[in-house]
């Protein structure tokens, strides 16, 4: 059985990612609450069913409300909802892939495989962010 090394004190990558995980989880709750409240203020309470409202909350996209009773979709396709969508994707994707990185750190030994998997996770994260921003801005 190997002994674990004691983490260094102060600001380091592991501590910052631990802190980011907690704050991004809180950020996702706040963004969801802001999304629901904003949609209700904009008229979703009379124009959307509950399923459409939940889809809109977690991925604000004008095509999500196309099948509802909303006549004018232009009011919903604005920069506020695009920024909300990008923030949700960034926080959720980074939060989840950081969790995957922690699992790899815990279960993969100090072999050549660990840095390869870290690099793969980073490439997946980068690809996911680029595609999400493109989809959000293009829709």
C-alpha atoms as a PDB file:
ATOM      1  CA  UNK A   1       0.000   0.000   0.000  1.00  0.00           C
ATOM      2  CA  UNK A   2       1.331   3.396  -0.995  1.00  0.00           C
ATOM      3  CA  UNK A   3       1.131   6.438   1.209  1.00  0.00           C
ATOM      4  CA  UNK A   4      -0.450   9.559  -0.202  1.00  0.00           C
ATOM      5  CA  UNK A   5       1.444  12.788  -0.404  1.00  0.00           C
ATOM      6  CA  UNK A   6       0.212  15.663   1.695  1.00  0.00           C
ATOM      7  CA  UNK A   7      -1.243  18.440  -0.479  1.00  0.00           C
ATOM      8  CA  UNK A   8       0.659  21.697  -0.416  1.00  0.00           C
ATOM      9  CA  UNK A   9      -0.827  24.615   1.487  1.00  0.00           C
ATOM     10  CA  UNK A  10      -2.048  27.816  -0.089  1.00  0.00           C
ATOM     11  CA  UNK A  11      -3.523  28.430  -3.513  1.00  0.00           C
ATOM     12  CA  UNK A  12      -2.923  25.542  -5.859  1.00  0.00           C
ATOM     13  CA  UNK A  13      -4.803  24.033  -8.791  1.00  0.00           C
ATOM     14  CA  UNK A  14      -6.599  21.367  -6.738  1.00  0.00           C
ATOM     15  CA  UNK A  15      -7.860  23.898  -4.202  1.00  0.00           C
ATOM     16  CA  UNK A  16      -9.019  26.299  -6.909  1.00  0.00           C
ATOM     17  CA  UNK A  17     -10.888  23.522  -8.726  1.00  0.00           C
ATOM     18  CA  UNK A  18     -12.445  22.354  -5.426  1.00  0.00           C
ATOM     19  CA  UNK A  19     -13.601  25.924  -4.827  1.00  0.00           C
ATOM     20  CA  UNK A  20     -14.819  26.263  -8.442  1.00  0.00           C
ATOM     21  CA  UNK A  21     -16.892  23.089  -8.094  1.00  0.00           C
ATOM     22  CA  UNK A  22     -18.726  24.479  -5.074  1.00  0.00           C
ATOM     23  CA  UNK A  23     -19.230  27.902  -6.623  1.00  0.00           C
ATOM     24  CA  UNK A  24     -20.303  26.551 -10.023  1.00  0.00           C
ATOM     25  CA  UNK A  25     -22.918  24.341  -8.342  1.00  0.00           C
ATOM     26  CA  UNK A  26     -24.258  27.406  -6.555  1.00  0.00           C
ATOM     27  CA  UNK A  27     -24.026  29.381  -9.797  1.00  0.00           C
ATOM     28  CA  UNK A  28     -26.128  26.798 -11.639  1.00  0.00           C
ATOM     29  CA  UNK A  29     -28.861  27.064  -8.988  1.00  0.00           C
ATOM     30  CA  UNK A  30     -28.794  30.858  -9.234  1.00  0.00           C
ATOM     31  CA  UNK A  31     -28.895  30.794 -13.049  1.00  0.00           C
ATOM     32  CA  UNK A  32     -31.838  28.368 -12.995  1.00  0.00           C
ATOM     33  CA  UNK A  33     -33.716  30.589 -10.562  1.00  0.00           C
ATOM     34  CA  UNK A  34     -32.975  33.725 -12.607  1.00  0.00           C
ATOM     35  CA  UNK A  35     -34.063  31.862 -15.757  1.00  0.00           C
ATOM     36  CA  UNK A  36     -37.394  30.775 -14.295  1.00  0.00           C
ATOM     37  CA  UNK A  37     -38.159  34.158 -12.757  1.00  0.00           C
ATOM     38  CA  UNK A  38     -37.150  36.039 -15.923  1.00  0.00           C
ATOM     39  CA  UNK A  39     -39.254  33.782 -18.130  1.00  0.00           C
ATOM     40  CA  UNK A  40     -42.250  34.186 -15.820  1.00  0.00           C
ATOM     41  CA  UNK A  41     -41.824  37.972 -15.828  1.00  0.00           C
ATOM     42  CA  UNK A  42     -41.619  37.982 -19.636  1.00  0.00           C
ATOM     43  CA  UNK A  43     -44.993  36.243 -19.863  1.00  0.00           C
ATOM     44  CA  UNK A  44     -44.219  32.541 -19.679  1.00  0.00           C
ATOM     45  CA  UNK A  45     -46.889  32.035 -17.014  1.00  0.00           C
ATOM     46  CA  UNK A  46     -49.599  32.546 -19.620  1.00  0.00           C
ATOM     47  CA  UNK A  47     -47.794  31.407 -22.765  1.00  0.00           C
ATOM     48  CA  UNK A  48     -45.855  28.250 -21.788  1.00  0.00           C
ATOM     49  CA  UNK A  49     -46.656  24.932 -20.229  1.00  0.00           C
ATOM     50  CA  UNK A  50     -44.441  23.658 -17.399  1.00  0.00           C
ATOM     51  CA  UNK A  51     -42.298  21.381 -19.613  1.00  0.00           C
ATOM     52  CA  UNK A  52     -41.488  24.248 -21.989  1.00  0.00           C
ATOM     53  CA  UNK A  53     -40.649  26.507 -19.045  1.00  0.00           C
ATOM     54  CA  UNK A  54     -38.204  23.922 -17.632  1.00  0.00           C
ATOM     55  CA  UNK A  55     -36.563  23.427 -21.044  1.00  0.00           C
ATOM     56  CA  UNK A  56     -36.259  27.187 -21.328  1.00  0.00           C
ATOM     57  CA  UNK A  57     -34.764  27.473 -17.846  1.00  0.00           C
ATOM     58  CA  UNK A  58     -31.891  25.082 -18.433  1.00  0.00           C
ATOM     59  CA  UNK A  59     -31.218  25.901 -22.076  1.00  0.00           C
ATOM     60  CA  UNK A  60     -32.752  29.208 -23.123  1.00  0.00           C
ATOM     61  CA  UNK A  61     -33.228  28.980 -26.860  1.00  0.00           C
ATOM     62  CA  UNK A  62     -36.005  30.575 -28.941  1.00  0.00           C
ATOM     63  CA  UNK A  63     -36.690  27.284 -30.721  1.00  0.00           C
ATOM     64  CA  UNK A  64     -37.759  25.786 -27.373  1.00  0.00           C
ATOM     65  CA  UNK A  65     -40.774  28.060 -27.256  1.00  0.00           C
ATOM     66  CA  UNK A  66     -41.724  27.662 -30.936  1.00  0.00           C
ATOM     67  CA  UNK A  67     -44.387  25.060 -30.143  1.00  0.00           C
ATOM     68  CA  UNK A  68     -46.049  27.157 -27.441  1.00  0.00           C
ATOM     69  CA  UNK A  69     -48.640  29.896 -27.754  1.00  0.00           C
ATOM     70  CA  UNK A  70     -46.065  32.696 -27.957  1.00  0.00           C
ATOM     71  CA  UNK A  71     -46.811  34.833 -30.997  1.00  0.00           C
ATOM     72  CA  UNK A  72     -43.657  36.982 -31.078  1.00  0.00           C
ATOM     73  CA  UNK A  73     -40.448  34.972 -30.587  1.00  0.00           C
ATOM     74  CA  UNK A  74     -38.247  38.030 -31.190  1.00  0.00           C
ATOM     75  CA  UNK A  75     -38.708  39.139 -27.582  1.00  0.00           C
ATOM     76  CA  UNK A  76     -37.212  35.849 -26.420  1.00  0.00           C
ATOM     77  CA  UNK A  77     -34.232  35.886 -28.817  1.00  0.00           C
ATOM     78  CA  UNK A  78     -32.049  38.498 -27.168  1.00  0.00           C
ATOM     79  CA  UNK A  79     -28.548  38.809 -25.733  1.00  0.00           C
ATOM     80  CA  UNK A  80     -29.705  38.207 -22.149  1.00  0.00           C
ATOM     81  CA  UNK A  81     -30.878  34.683 -22.946  1.00  0.00           C
ATOM     82  CA  UNK A  82     -27.780  33.980 -25.038  1.00  0.00           C
ATOM     83  CA  UNK A  83     -25.517  34.982 -22.152  1.00  0.00           C
ATOM     84  CA  UNK A  84     -27.639  32.899 -19.752  1.00  0.00           C
ATOM     85  CA  UNK A  85     -27.304  29.884 -22.049  1.00  0.00           C
ATOM     86  CA  UNK A  86     -23.540  30.290 -22.370  1.00  0.00           C
ATOM     87  CA  UNK A  87     -23.123  30.658 -18.605  1.00  0.00           C
ATOM     88  CA  UNK A  88     -25.204  27.555 -17.951  1.00  0.00           C
ATOM     89  CA  UNK A  89     -23.195  25.526 -20.462  1.00  0.00           C
ATOM     90  CA  UNK A  90     -19.890  26.813 -19.091  1.00  0.00           C
ATOM     91  CA  UNK A  91     -20.746  26.158 -15.445  1.00  0.00           C
ATOM     92  CA  UNK A  92     -22.417  22.794 -16.024  1.00  0.00           C
ATOM     93  CA  UNK A  93     -19.837  21.479 -18.492  1.00  0.00           C
ATOM     94  CA  UNK A  94     -16.843  22.592 -16.482  1.00  0.00           C
ATOM     95  CA  UNK A  95     -18.414  21.335 -13.258  1.00  0.00           C
ATOM     96  CA  UNK A  96     -19.108  17.897 -14.722  1.00  0.00           C
ATOM     97  CA  UNK A  97     -15.791  17.459 -16.502  1.00  0.00           C
ATOM     98  CA  UNK A  98     -13.921  18.599 -13.398  1.00  0.00           C
ATOM     99  CA  UNK A  99     -15.737  15.831 -11.526  1.00  0.00           C
ATOM    100  CA  UNK A 100     -14.565  13.374 -14.172  1.00  0.00           C
ATOM    101  CA  UNK A 101     -11.018  14.683 -13.761  1.00  0.00           C
ATOM    102  CA  UNK A 102     -11.210  14.099  -9.993  1.00  0.00           C
ATOM    103  CA  UNK A 103     -12.401  10.523 -10.554  1.00  0.00           C
ATOM    104  CA  UNK A 104      -9.480   9.915 -12.915  1.00  0.00           C
ATOM    105  CA  UNK A 105      -7.059  11.403 -10.361  1.00  0.00           C
ATOM    106  CA  UNK A 106      -8.458   9.059  -7.703  1.00  0.00           C
ATOM    107  CA  UNK A 107      -8.550   5.825  -9.678  1.00  0.00           C
ATOM    108  CA  UNK A 108      -5.780   6.022 -12.282  1.00  0.00           C
ATOM    109  CA  UNK A 109      -2.305   5.492 -10.911  1.00  0.00           C
ATOM    110  CA  UNK A 110       0.738   7.565 -11.752  1.00  0.00           C
ATOM    111  CA  UNK A 111       1.144   6.148 -15.222  1.00  0.00           C
ATOM    112  CA  UNK A 112       1.299   7.614 -18.700  1.00  0.00           C
ATOM    113  CA  UNK A 113      -2.495   7.193 -18.887  1.00  0.00           C
ATOM    114  CA  UNK A 114      -3.339   9.962 -16.393  1.00  0.00           C
ATOM    115  CA  UNK A 115      -1.906  12.901 -18.415  1.00  0.00           C
ATOM    116  CA  UNK A 116      -3.402  11.461 -21.602  1.00  0.00           C
ATOM    117  CA  UNK A 117      -6.851  11.338 -20.003  1.00  0.00           C
ATOM    118  CA  UNK A 118      -6.418  14.849 -18.573  1.00  0.00           C
ATOM    119  CA  UNK A 119      -5.609  16.110 -22.065  1.00  0.00           C
ATOM    120  CA  UNK A 120      -8.598  14.248 -23.503  1.00  0.00           C
ATOM    121  CA  UNK A 121     -10.900  15.807 -20.903  1.00  0.00           C
ATOM    122  CA  UNK A 122      -9.532  19.254 -21.743  1.00  0.00           C
ATOM    123  CA  UNK A 123     -10.117  18.678 -25.479  1.00  0.00           C
ATOM    124  CA  UNK A 124     -13.670  17.464 -24.807  1.00  0.00           C
ATOM    125  CA  UNK A 125     -14.295  20.548 -22.657  1.00  0.00           C
ATOM    126  CA  UNK A 126     -12.900  22.883 -25.319  1.00  0.00           C
ATOM    127  CA  UNK A 127     -14.924  21.217 -28.101  1.00  0.00           C
ATOM    128  CA  UNK A 128     -18.077  21.308 -25.997  1.00  0.00           C
ATOM    129  CA  UNK A 129     -17.708  25.016 -25.174  1.00  0.00           C
ATOM    130  CA  UNK A 130     -16.988  25.965 -28.804  1.00  0.00           C
ATOM    131  CA  UNK A 131     -19.948  23.975 -30.153  1.00  0.00           C
ATOM    132  CA  UNK A 132     -22.283  25.300 -27.450  1.00  0.00           C
ATOM    133  CA  UNK A 133     -21.338  28.925 -28.112  1.00  0.00           C
ATOM    134  CA  UNK A 134     -21.809  28.379 -31.851  1.00  0.00           C
ATOM    135  CA  UNK A 135     -25.236  26.779 -31.368  1.00  0.00           C
ATOM    136  CA  UNK A 136     -26.366  29.477 -28.946  1.00  0.00           C
ATOM    137  CA  UNK A 137     -25.227  32.355 -31.156  1.00  0.00           C
ATOM    138  CA  UNK A 138     -26.486  30.770 -34.376  1.00  0.00           C
ATOM    139  CA  UNK A 139     -30.005  30.050 -33.141  1.00  0.00           C
END
